[in-house]
Amino acid sequence: MVLMATRKPRTPKDPNAPKKPRVVKDKSPRFGIGEWFGKNVTLMTGAERRALAEEVLKPKSERTPQPCPFKATKDGGMCNKEGGVCSLRQYAYGVHPETGRAMGIPVEGKQGALRATCPYRFHEAKTVFNWVGEVILGDSEPHLVGEVGFLEAGATTDSDGGEDVGRIDMVLVSSKTVDSDKKDWAALEVQAVYFSGSAMRPEFNAYSDKSCDWIIFPAANRRPDYRSSGPKRLMPQLQIKVPTLRRWGRKMAVVVDESFFDSIGEMDNVQHISNADIAWFTVGFEEVENSAQMRLVPKEVRYTTLERTVEGLTGGKAVALPIFEARITSKIRNPQPLSSVGATVIPEGDTSEIDAEDSDGFELKG
């Protein structure tokens, strides 16, 4: 006779039982959601955060469109950014006093500033456009024209050419010259920051938890990717557009937030706009009393040339010739396998979340 061991039936989990605290090994500050569909996450209620999380976790075809409060150039503009995250901010690690679970504490000072990840964040109340118009055109209410063809393709074997292959994202025209043959205008480029690291889905999942009514400590690591946003995206745009604008006697305005501008290397400034190719307009964000929305605040204008801008965006200086040649010698003495030359190494588990439809964020037609 063979005796068979009997397995005890597994006790079903109680969905209402409190969750065990998550073990966080790396407790250094992390970047999480700063603004979500236009609202300051730290000033939303747990129920409001949970409702948005549940919405963005639905299949795309089942989601309810969410309004974008920053699309000042459109009445009833809706958010078209996947996930609806307008900006990031840093959170320090904290422990919830009642549950012992990890919670996020907004970092103070410059490190705690919002980092705009959506270009429409800069459209708030047309503040930026009016500011640029006043400084460059002497007109605080310029006429806005979007997506103006700037480069045309030449004829090829397969095409007669003539189609637009490059555009000026936004043109500000002085309202005093709108109907004139000689218009006073300036070009404008807005640049938000991309981010690298884990996608936002872990945050959405955490905020959808019905037992969580506090600010979470970001569930994964990510960071603003100023290298992708500046040298790789913004700089080529300026190198293509500014030389022609310079020949035409026109200026380029570039709008970024303070953290983005601080990431740029040192640039020599010029004292007067007449000697500049590019005017940098930096903005910050501040809390508004009795409101869940942050306010965009103009901060500083800096004038520079295209050449100095390229140096700043590149963010480095050439080493001395002896140092470079010493490195050549080192490579000769310690050769690398040719298969590794030019290869790009991607850290394990690291992905870059760059939303193509957010690169410019302009849909104006006039």
Protein backbone atom coordinates (compact mmCIF):
# COMPACT_ATOMS: atom_id res chain seq x y z
CA MET A 1 0.00 0.00 0.00
CA VAL A 2 1.42 3.34 -1.09
CA LEU A 3 0.57 6.40 0.91
CA MET A 4 0.21 9.58 -1.16
CA ALA A 5 1.03 12.94 0.38
CA THR A 6 -1.88 15.30 0.26
CA ARG A 7 -1.30 18.96 -0.59
CA LYS A 8 -3.07 21.49 1.52
CA PRO A 9 -5.40 23.72 -0.46
CA ARG A 10 -3.89 27.17 -1.14
CA THR A 11 -5.60 29.96 0.73
CA PRO A 12 -6.84 32.55 -1.76
CA LYS A 13 -5.33 36.03 -1.44
CA ASP A 14 -7.49 38.70 0.09
CA PRO A 15 -7.64 41.54 -2.46
CA ASN A 16 -8.31 43.99 0.38
CA ALA A 17 -5.34 42.89 2.46
CA PRO A 18 -2.66 45.59 2.84
CA LYS A 19 0.29 45.22 0.49
CA LYS A 20 3.71 44.39 1.87
CA PRO A 21 6.18 47.26 1.62
CA ARG A 22 8.24 47.16 -1.58
CA VAL A 23 11.96 46.68 -0.94
CA VAL A 24 13.81 49.58 -2.54
CA LYS A 25 17.54 48.97 -2.88
CA ASP A 26 18.48 52.21 -4.60
CA LYS A 27 17.04 55.04 -2.52
CA SER A 28 18.69 57.91 -4.40
CA PRO A 29 16.29 60.52 -5.87
CA ARG A 30 14.44 59.47 -9.00
CA PHE A 31 12.49 61.25 -11.71
CA GLY A 32 8.75 60.67 -11.75
CA ILE A 33 5.63 62.41 -13.06
CA GLY A 34 5.62 66.14 -12.44
CA GLU A 35 2.50 67.22 -14.32
CA TRP A 36 -0.09 64.85 -15.71
CA PHE A 37 -2.60 66.10 -18.27
CA GLY A 38 -1.76 69.62 -17.12
CA LYS A 39 -2.11 69.05 -13.37
CA ASN A 40 0.54 69.09 -10.65
CA VAL A 41 0.61 65.47 -9.45
CA THR A 42 1.52 66.48 -5.90
CA LEU A 43 -1.67 68.56 -5.60
CA MET A 44 -4.07 65.97 -7.04
CA THR A 45 -6.11 63.69 -4.81
CA GLY A 46 -5.46 59.97 -4.74
CA ALA A 47 -8.76 59.41 -6.52
CA GLU A 48 -7.81 61.84 -9.31
CA ARG A 49 -4.44 60.17 -9.86
CA ARG A 50 -6.07 56.73 -9.82
CA ALA A 51 -8.69 57.79 -12.39
CA LEU A 52 -6.02 59.05 -14.80
CA ALA A 53 -3.89 55.93 -14.29
CA GLU A 54 -6.82 53.64 -15.03
CA GLU A 55 -7.60 55.68 -18.14
CA VAL A 56 -4.12 55.57 -19.67
CA LEU A 57 -3.79 51.84 -18.93
CA LYS A 58 -6.79 51.09 -21.14
CA PRO A 59 -6.31 50.05 -24.77
CA LYS A 60 -5.85 53.19 -26.85
CA SER A 61 -9.15 52.76 -28.66
CA GLU A 62 -11.07 52.68 -25.36
CA ARG A 63 -9.59 55.79 -23.71
CA THR A 64 -11.55 58.97 -23.13
CA PRO A 65 -9.74 61.93 -24.74
CA GLN A 66 -8.26 64.28 -22.15
CA PRO A 67 -8.10 68.07 -22.62
CA CYS A 68 -4.74 69.84 -22.75
CA PRO A 69 -4.90 73.12 -20.81
CA PHE A 70 -1.74 74.41 -22.49
CA LYS A 71 -2.91 74.41 -26.09
CA ALA A 72 -3.59 78.13 -25.99
CA THR A 73 -3.58 78.34 -29.77
CA LYS A 74 -6.51 75.91 -30.00
CA ASP A 75 -9.96 76.05 -28.50
CA GLY A 76 -10.79 72.75 -26.85
CA GLY A 77 -7.40 71.24 -27.72
CA MET A 78 -7.00 67.64 -26.62
CA CYS A 79 -3.83 65.94 -25.41
CA ASN A 80 -2.22 63.72 -28.04
CA LYS A 81 0.84 62.70 -26.00
CA GLU A 82 0.97 59.03 -25.07
CA GLY A 83 0.46 58.79 -21.30
CA GLY A 84 -0.23 62.50 -20.90
CA VAL A 85 2.94 63.31 -18.92
CA CYS A 86 3.72 67.02 -19.41
CA SER A 87 6.82 67.17 -17.23
CA LEU A 88 9.07 65.22 -14.88
CA ARG A 89 10.40 66.14 -11.45
CA GLN A 90 12.71 64.54 -8.91
CA TYR A 91 11.44 62.73 -5.83
CA ALA A 92 13.41 61.69 -2.76
CA TYR A 93 12.74 58.40 -1.00
CA GLY A 94 10.42 58.42 1.99
CA VAL A 95 8.47 55.91 4.07
CA HIS A 96 4.72 56.23 4.57
CA PRO A 97 4.17 56.64 8.34
CA GLU A 98 1.16 54.31 8.46
CA THR A 99 1.84 51.61 5.87
CA GLY A 100 5.64 51.53 5.79
CA ARG A 101 5.49 51.60 2.00
CA ALA A 102 7.75 53.75 -0.16
CA MET A 103 6.55 57.25 -0.94
CA GLY A 104 7.96 60.12 -2.95
CA ILE A 105 8.95 63.45 -1.43
CA PRO A 106 9.36 66.28 -3.97
CA VAL A 107 12.96 67.48 -4.07
CA GLU A 108 13.41 71.18 -3.28
CA GLY A 109 15.56 73.77 -5.06
CA LYS A 110 16.91 73.69 -8.61
CA GLN A 111 17.09 69.88 -8.61
CA GLY A 112 13.36 69.77 -7.92
CA ALA A 113 12.40 71.97 -10.89
CA LEU A 114 9.95 70.66 -13.46
CA ARG A 115 11.53 69.34 -16.67
CA ALA A 116 9.10 69.89 -19.56
CA THR A 117 8.76 66.74 -21.69
CA CYS A 118 6.00 67.99 -24.00
CA PRO A 119 6.48 71.00 -26.32
CA TYR A 120 2.88 72.08 -25.78
CA ARG A 121 3.84 72.82 -22.16
CA PHE A 122 5.42 76.02 -23.48
CA HIS A 123 2.18 77.16 -25.16
CA GLU A 124 0.48 78.07 -21.88
CA ALA A 125 -1.65 81.22 -22.26
CA LYS A 126 0.57 82.31 -25.21
CA THR A 127 2.93 83.77 -22.59
CA VAL A 128 6.06 82.68 -24.47
CA PHE A 129 4.83 83.91 -27.85
CA ASN A 130 3.92 87.31 -26.47
CA TRP A 131 7.26 87.56 -24.66
CA VAL A 132 9.28 86.67 -27.77
CA GLY A 133 7.20 89.06 -29.87
CA GLU A 134 7.83 91.92 -27.45
CA VAL A 135 11.58 91.33 -27.27
CA ILE A 136 12.35 90.69 -30.95
CA LEU A 137 9.53 92.46 -32.79
CA GLY A 138 8.43 95.10 -30.29
CA ASP A 139 4.95 93.58 -30.45
CA SER A 140 3.48 91.72 -27.46
CA GLU A 141 0.64 90.24 -29.53
CA PRO A 142 2.24 88.93 -32.71
CA HIS A 143 0.39 86.90 -35.32
CA LEU A 144 1.30 83.19 -35.11
CA VAL A 145 1.92 81.10 -38.22
CA GLY A 146 2.87 77.43 -37.95
CA GLU A 147 4.61 74.91 -40.20
CA VAL A 148 5.93 77.20 -42.95
CA GLY A 149 7.82 75.43 -45.75
CA PHE A 150 11.49 76.38 -45.59
CA LEU A 151 13.41 73.87 -47.72
CA GLU A 152 12.30 72.41 -51.04
CA ALA A 153 13.58 69.19 -52.56
CA GLY A 154 15.55 69.46 -55.77
CA ALA A 155 14.78 67.48 -58.90
CA THR A 156 15.96 63.85 -58.90
CA THR A 157 15.68 60.86 -61.18
CA ASP A 158 12.40 59.93 -59.55
CA SER A 159 10.93 63.34 -58.75
CA ASP A 160 10.54 66.81 -60.20
CA GLY A 161 11.26 68.26 -56.76
CA GLY A 162 9.54 71.23 -55.19
CA GLU A 163 7.97 69.48 -52.20
CA ASP A 164 8.69 70.69 -48.69
CA VAL A 165 11.51 68.80 -47.00
CA GLY A 166 12.00 71.22 -44.11
CA ARG A 167 9.79 73.69 -42.25
CA ILE A 168 10.04 76.51 -39.77
CA ASP A 169 7.94 75.26 -36.86
CA MET A 170 6.59 78.64 -35.82
CA VAL A 171 6.83 82.13 -37.30
CA LEU A 172 5.86 85.21 -35.30
CA VAL A 173 4.73 88.12 -37.48
CA SER A 174 4.37 91.64 -36.11
CA SER A 175 0.69 92.56 -36.08
CA LYS A 176 1.75 95.95 -37.45
CA THR A 177 3.00 94.38 -40.69
CA VAL A 178 0.60 91.45 -41.19
CA ASP A 179 -0.98 93.09 -44.26
CA SER A 180 2.25 94.60 -45.56
CA ASP A 181 4.44 93.23 -48.34
CA LYS A 182 7.44 93.83 -46.05
CA LYS A 183 6.65 91.80 -42.97
CA ASP A 184 8.57 91.99 -39.72
CA TRP A 185 8.90 88.45 -38.42
CA ALA A 186 11.05 86.02 -36.42
CA ALA A 187 11.34 82.23 -36.34
CA LEU A 188 10.74 80.27 -33.14
CA GLU A 189 11.84 76.82 -32.02
CA VAL A 190 10.57 75.15 -28.83
CA GLN A 191 12.51 72.25 -27.34
CA ALA A 192 11.23 69.98 -24.58
CA VAL A 193 13.45 67.25 -23.14
CA TYR A 194 13.25 63.56 -23.98
CA PHE A 195 13.97 61.05 -21.25
CA SER A 196 15.95 57.83 -21.12
CA GLY A 197 15.39 54.81 -18.94
CA SER A 198 12.27 52.93 -17.98
CA ALA A 199 8.95 53.85 -19.54
CA MET A 200 6.17 55.41 -17.48
CA ARG A 201 3.95 52.34 -17.27
CA PRO A 202 5.25 51.28 -13.82
CA GLU A 203 4.15 54.70 -12.53
CA PHE A 204 0.69 54.30 -14.04
CA ASN A 205 0.36 50.84 -12.51
CA ALA A 206 1.42 52.14 -9.09
CA TYR A 207 -1.05 55.04 -9.16
CA SER A 208 -3.88 52.70 -10.20
CA ASP A 209 -3.49 50.83 -6.89
CA LYS A 210 -6.62 51.55 -4.84
CA SER A 211 -4.71 51.24 -1.57
CA CYS A 212 -2.31 54.03 -2.54
CA ASP A 213 -3.46 57.60 -1.94
CA TRP A 214 -0.03 59.24 -1.64
CA ILE A 215 2.75 60.32 -4.00
CA ILE A 216 4.69 57.22 -4.97
CA PHE A 217 8.46 56.95 -5.00
CA PRO A 218 9.12 56.40 -8.75
CA ALA A 219 8.95 52.70 -9.48
CA ALA A 220 11.87 52.77 -11.93
CA ASN A 221 14.92 54.81 -12.90
CA ARG A 222 14.84 57.34 -15.71
CA ARG A 223 16.48 60.69 -16.41
CA PRO A 224 16.11 63.68 -18.71
CA ASP A 225 18.19 62.96 -21.81
CA TYR A 226 19.68 66.32 -22.70
CA ARG A 227 22.16 64.74 -25.13
CA SER A 228 19.35 63.40 -27.32
CA SER A 229 17.33 66.58 -26.98
CA GLY A 230 20.13 69.12 -27.51
CA PRO A 231 23.03 67.98 -29.71
CA LYS A 232 21.09 65.27 -31.54
CA ARG A 233 17.78 67.03 -32.13
CA LEU A 234 17.95 70.79 -31.54
CA MET A 235 21.44 71.48 -32.88
CA PRO A 236 20.85 70.04 -36.40
CA GLN A 237 17.65 72.09 -36.66
CA LEU A 238 19.56 75.28 -35.86
CA GLN A 239 22.44 74.41 -38.18
CA ILE A 240 20.00 73.94 -41.06
CA LYS A 241 17.78 76.96 -40.44
CA VAL A 242 19.88 79.71 -38.89
CA PRO A 243 22.37 80.31 -41.75
CA THR A 244 19.53 81.13 -44.14
CA LEU A 245 17.74 83.24 -41.53
CA ARG A 246 21.00 85.12 -40.98
CA ARG A 247 21.29 85.89 -44.70
CA TRP A 248 17.70 87.11 -44.64
CA GLY A 249 18.40 89.34 -41.64
CA ARG A 250 16.01 87.43 -39.35
CA LYS A 251 16.40 86.06 -35.83
CA MET A 252 15.75 82.62 -34.37
CA ALA A 253 14.15 82.41 -30.91
CA VAL A 254 14.74 79.18 -28.97
CA VAL A 255 12.54 78.44 -25.95
CA VAL A 256 13.62 75.93 -23.28
CA ASP A 257 13.13 75.53 -19.54
CA GLU A 258 15.83 76.54 -17.05
CA SER A 259 17.06 73.00 -16.43
CA PHE A 260 17.51 72.42 -20.15
CA PHE A 261 19.48 75.65 -20.52
CA ASP A 262 21.65 74.76 -17.51
CA SER A 263 22.57 71.48 -19.25
CA ILE A 264 24.12 73.39 -22.15
CA GLY A 265 27.83 74.10 -22.06
CA GLU A 266 29.24 77.59 -21.72
CA MET A 267 28.30 79.98 -24.53
CA ASP A 268 29.75 83.42 -25.18
CA ASN A 269 26.94 85.95 -25.20
CA VAL A 270 26.60 89.08 -27.29
CA GLN A 271 25.29 92.22 -25.66
CA HIS A 272 22.76 93.30 -28.28
CA ILE A 273 20.29 91.39 -30.40
CA SER A 274 21.57 93.10 -33.56
CA ASN A 275 24.78 91.05 -33.27
CA ALA A 276 23.00 87.78 -32.44
CA ASP A 277 21.70 84.95 -34.57
CA ILE A 278 19.80 83.24 -31.77
CA ALA A 279 17.89 84.53 -28.76
CA TRP A 280 17.47 81.96 -25.97
CA PHE A 281 14.31 82.40 -23.90
CA THR A 282 14.33 80.39 -20.67
CA VAL A 283 11.26 79.74 -18.56
CA GLY A 284 10.48 78.30 -15.14
CA PHE A 285 7.36 76.93 -13.48
CA GLU A 286 5.82 77.94 -10.16
CA GLU A 287 2.91 76.77 -8.04
CA VAL A 288 -0.30 78.78 -8.05
CA GLU A 289 -2.24 79.23 -4.82
CA ASN A 290 -5.51 77.28 -4.71
CA SER A 291 -4.81 75.65 -8.08
CA ALA A 292 -3.65 72.22 -9.19
CA GLN A 293 -1.88 73.79 -12.17
CA MET A 294 1.62 75.22 -12.30
CA ARG A 295 2.24 78.56 -13.99
CA LEU A 296 4.86 79.14 -16.70
CA VAL A 297 7.08 82.10 -15.80
CA PRO A 298 9.47 83.93 -18.19
CA LYS A 299 12.97 84.02 -16.70
CA GLU A 300 15.84 85.20 -18.90
CA VAL A 301 16.83 86.14 -22.46
CA ARG A 302 20.36 85.42 -23.73
CA TYR A 303 21.74 86.44 -27.13
CA THR A 304 24.39 84.43 -28.94
CA THR A 305 25.65 83.40 -32.37
CA LEU A 306 25.11 80.08 -34.14
CA GLU A 307 28.78 79.16 -33.74
CA ARG A 308 28.78 79.71 -29.97
CA THR A 309 25.47 77.84 -29.69
CA VAL A 310 26.92 74.80 -31.45
CA GLU A 311 29.87 74.85 -29.05
CA GLY A 312 27.52 75.02 -26.08
CA LEU A 313 25.25 72.25 -27.30
CA THR A 314 28.20 70.03 -28.12
CA GLY A 315 29.14 70.41 -24.47
CA GLY A 316 32.84 69.69 -24.84
CA LYS A 317 36.16 71.16 -25.86
CA ALA A 318 38.81 69.55 -28.05
CA VAL A 319 41.72 68.00 -26.17
CA ALA A 320 45.26 69.17 -26.87
CA LEU A 321 47.05 67.49 -29.80
CA PRO A 322 49.63 65.65 -27.59
CA ILE A 323 46.81 64.14 -25.52
CA PHE A 324 44.95 62.96 -28.62
CA GLU A 325 48.11 61.43 -30.13
CA ALA A 326 48.91 59.72 -26.83
CA ARG A 327 45.47 58.08 -27.04
CA ILE A 328 46.25 56.91 -30.56
CA THR A 329 49.46 55.32 -29.28
CA SER A 330 47.54 53.61 -26.49
CA LYS A 331 45.07 52.16 -29.00
CA ILE A 332 47.93 50.87 -31.15
CA ARG A 333 49.55 49.16 -28.19
CA ASN A 334 46.24 47.79 -26.91
CA PRO A 335 44.23 47.12 -30.06
CA GLN A 336 40.47 46.59 -29.98
CA PRO A 337 38.70 43.92 -32.02
CA LEU A 338 37.53 45.57 -35.22
CA SER A 339 34.00 44.24 -34.61
CA SER A 340 33.69 46.53 -31.58
CA VAL A 341 34.81 49.70 -33.37
CA GLY A 342 31.89 52.06 -33.77
CA ALA A 343 29.52 49.76 -31.90
CA THR A 344 26.92 51.31 -29.64
CA VAL A 345 26.67 49.78 -26.19
CA ILE A 346 23.21 49.89 -24.66
CA PRO A 347 23.03 49.26 -20.91
CA GLU A 348 20.95 46.21 -20.06
CA GLY A 349 17.36 47.11 -19.32
CA ASP A 350 17.80 50.67 -20.57
CA THR A 351 15.38 51.97 -23.15
CA SER A 352 14.92 55.42 -24.55
CA GLU A 353 11.41 56.79 -24.55
CA ILE A 354 11.23 59.40 -27.29
CA ASP A 355 7.80 60.18 -28.62
CA ALA A 356 8.14 61.10 -32.29
CA GLU A 357 4.92 63.05 -32.37
CA ASP A 358 6.20 65.29 -29.57
CA SER A 359 9.33 66.47 -31.37
CA ASP A 360 7.86 69.81 -32.35
CA GLY A 361 4.32 69.97 -31.04
CA PHE A 362 3.09 72.56 -33.52
CA GLU A 363 -0.08 72.09 -35.51
CA LEU A 364 -0.94 75.71 -36.30
CA LYS A 365 -1.99 76.47 -39.83
CA GLY A 366 -2.09 80.21 -39.58
